[in-house]
Amino acid sequence: MKNTHYLKQIVTIIIFFCTLQGFSQIPVGYYDSSSGLTGNELKSALHQTINNHIEFPYSSSDKDVWDILKEADRDPTNANNVI
């Protein structure tokens, strides 16, 4: 019975890390437009890659970088902790 519980934990951990690995990758083709470029051509291609990002101010009364960092670093099992 103890081995069954241990095996379930191992399988759960493996599935978790496989799922995490799948979501933590750069999307296929993300940097294809900048491959092999240098100088201003590289700069321009990278600009086009990230051109549609959302900008947040460093500090403001609305949502800012500090608010985002608090959310991103919050421990999901304990809101009083950061990871």
C-alpha atoms as a PDB file:
ATOM      1  CA  MET A   1       0.000   0.000   0.000  1.00  0.00           C
ATOM      2  CA  LYS A   2       2.847   2.376   0.833  1.00  0.00           C
ATOM      3  CA  ASN A   3       4.488   1.746  -2.556  1.00  0.00           C
ATOM      4  CA  THR A   4       1.240   2.598  -4.373  1.00  0.00           C
ATOM      5  CA  HIS A   5       1.059   5.972  -2.643  1.00  0.00           C
ATOM      6  CA  TYR A   6       4.715   6.642  -3.441  1.00  0.00           C
ATOM      7  CA  LEU A   7       4.164   5.681  -7.098  1.00  0.00           C
ATOM      8  CA  LYS A   8       1.157   8.032  -7.367  1.00  0.00           C
ATOM      9  CA  GLN A   9       3.270  10.894  -6.022  1.00  0.00           C
ATOM     10  CA  ILE A  10       6.069  10.202  -8.501  1.00  0.00           C
ATOM     11  CA  VAL A  11       3.647  10.045 -11.442  1.00  0.00           C
ATOM     12  CA  THR A  12       2.000  13.295 -10.324  1.00  0.00           C
ATOM     13  CA  ILE A  13       5.383  15.034 -10.085  1.00  0.00           C
ATOM     14  CA  ILE A  14       6.430  13.765 -13.524  1.00  0.00           C
ATOM     15  CA  ILE A  15       3.172  14.962 -15.104  1.00  0.00           C
ATOM     16  CA  PHE A  16       3.556  18.351 -13.406  1.00  0.00           C
ATOM     17  CA  PHE A  17       7.086  18.881 -14.704  1.00  0.00           C
ATOM     18  CA  CYS A  18       6.210  17.685 -18.214  1.00  0.00           C
ATOM     19  CA  THR A  19       3.319  20.148 -18.313  1.00  0.00           C
ATOM     20  CA  LEU A  20       5.509  22.929 -16.928  1.00  0.00           C
ATOM     21  CA  GLN A  21       8.177  22.200 -19.533  1.00  0.00           C
ATOM     22  CA  GLY A  22       5.608  22.478 -22.314  1.00  0.00           C
ATOM     23  CA  PHE A  23       4.396  25.901 -21.192  1.00  0.00           C
ATOM     24  CA  SER A  24       7.826  27.374 -20.478  1.00  0.00           C
ATOM     25  CA  GLN A  25       9.166  27.200 -24.020  1.00  0.00           C
ATOM     26  CA  ILE A  26       9.554  30.009 -26.528  1.00  0.00           C
ATOM     27  CA  PRO A  27       6.810  29.581 -29.144  1.00  0.00           C
ATOM     28  CA  VAL A  28       7.994  27.846 -32.310  1.00  0.00           C
ATOM     29  CA  GLY A  29       9.153  30.426 -34.837  1.00  0.00           C
ATOM     30  CA  TYR A  30       9.130  33.324 -32.341  1.00  0.00           C
ATOM     31  CA  TYR A  31      12.614  34.533 -33.320  1.00  0.00           C
ATOM     32  CA  ASP A  32      12.698  33.226 -36.904  1.00  0.00           C
ATOM     33  CA  SER A  33      12.493  36.722 -38.379  1.00  0.00           C
ATOM     34  CA  SER A  34      15.707  37.738 -36.573  1.00  0.00           C
ATOM     35  CA  SER A  35      17.746  34.608 -37.280  1.00  0.00           C
ATOM     36  CA  GLY A  36      21.095  35.379 -38.907  1.00  0.00           C
ATOM     37  CA  LEU A  37      20.672  39.158 -38.730  1.00  0.00           C
ATOM     38  CA  THR A  38      23.059  41.684 -37.195  1.00  0.00           C
ATOM     39  CA  GLY A  39      23.168  45.391 -36.507  1.00  0.00           C
ATOM     40  CA  ASN A  40      20.193  47.552 -37.421  1.00  0.00           C
ATOM     41  CA  GLU A  41      18.468  44.698 -39.277  1.00  0.00           C
ATOM     42  CA  LEU A  42      18.524  42.608 -36.070  1.00  0.00           C
ATOM     43  CA  LYS A  43      17.305  45.569 -34.030  1.00  0.00           C
ATOM     44  CA  SER A  44      14.437  46.157 -36.424  1.00  0.00           C
ATOM     45  CA  ALA A  45      13.430  42.473 -36.535  1.00  0.00           C
ATOM     46  CA  LEU A  46      13.444  42.204 -32.729  1.00  0.00           C
ATOM     47  CA  HIS A  47      11.409  45.389 -32.485  1.00  0.00           C
ATOM     48  CA  GLN A  48       8.790  43.865 -34.786  1.00  0.00           C
ATOM     49  CA  THR A  49       8.755  40.705 -32.643  1.00  0.00           C
ATOM     50  CA  ILE A  50       7.950  42.573 -29.422  1.00  0.00           C
ATOM     51  CA  ASN A  51       6.130  45.552 -30.948  1.00  0.00           C
ATOM     52  CA  ASN A  52       2.668  44.587 -29.667  1.00  0.00           C
ATOM     53  CA  HIS A  53       3.564  44.139 -26.001  1.00  0.00           C
ATOM     54  CA  ILE A  54       1.677  45.824 -23.165  1.00  0.00           C
ATOM     55  CA  GLU A  55       3.570  48.535 -21.303  1.00  0.00           C
ATOM     56  CA  PHE A  56       3.035  49.226 -17.609  1.00  0.00           C
ATOM     57  CA  PRO A  57       4.443  52.264 -15.796  1.00  0.00           C
ATOM     58  CA  TYR A  58       7.181  51.801 -13.222  1.00  0.00           C
ATOM     59  CA  SER A  59       4.985  53.395 -10.583  1.00  0.00           C
ATOM     60  CA  SER A  60       1.496  54.858 -10.641  1.00  0.00           C
ATOM     61  CA  SER A  61      -1.764  54.879  -8.723  1.00  0.00           C
ATOM     62  CA  ASP A  62      -3.126  52.310 -11.205  1.00  0.00           C
ATOM     63  CA  LYS A  63      -1.592  48.921 -11.996  1.00  0.00           C
ATOM     64  CA  ASP A  64       2.169  49.260 -12.293  1.00  0.00           C
ATOM     65  CA  VAL A  65       5.306  47.093 -12.417  1.00  0.00           C
ATOM     66  CA  TRP A  66       5.282  46.620  -8.639  1.00  0.00           C
ATOM     67  CA  ASP A  67       1.714  45.290  -8.671  1.00  0.00           C
ATOM     68  CA  ILE A  68       2.611  42.841 -11.421  1.00  0.00           C
ATOM     69  CA  LEU A  69       5.723  41.629  -9.573  1.00  0.00           C
ATOM     70  CA  LYS A  70       3.687  41.036  -6.411  1.00  0.00           C
ATOM     71  CA  GLU A  71       1.237  38.884  -8.375  1.00  0.00           C
ATOM     72  CA  ALA A  72       3.937  37.031 -10.286  1.00  0.00           C
ATOM     73  CA  ASP A  73       6.009  36.229  -7.186  1.00  0.00           C
ATOM     74  CA  ARG A  74       3.124  35.336  -4.847  1.00  0.00           C
ATOM     75  CA  ASP A  75       3.236  31.851  -3.347  1.00  0.00           C
ATOM     76  CA  PRO A  76       0.088  30.097  -4.669  1.00  0.00           C
ATOM     77  CA  THR A  77      -0.237  28.118  -1.428  1.00  0.00           C
ATOM     78  CA  ASN A  78       0.194  31.122   0.886  1.00  0.00           C
ATOM     79  CA  ALA A  79      -0.662  34.665  -0.212  1.00  0.00           C
ATOM     80  CA  ASN A  80       1.560  36.092   2.568  1.00  0.00           C
ATOM     81  CA  ASN A  81       4.696  34.557   1.025  1.00  0.00           C
ATOM     82  CA  VAL A  82       6.643  35.243  -2.139  1.00  0.00           C
ATOM     83  CA  ILE A  83       8.644  32.742  -4.149  1.00  0.00           C
END
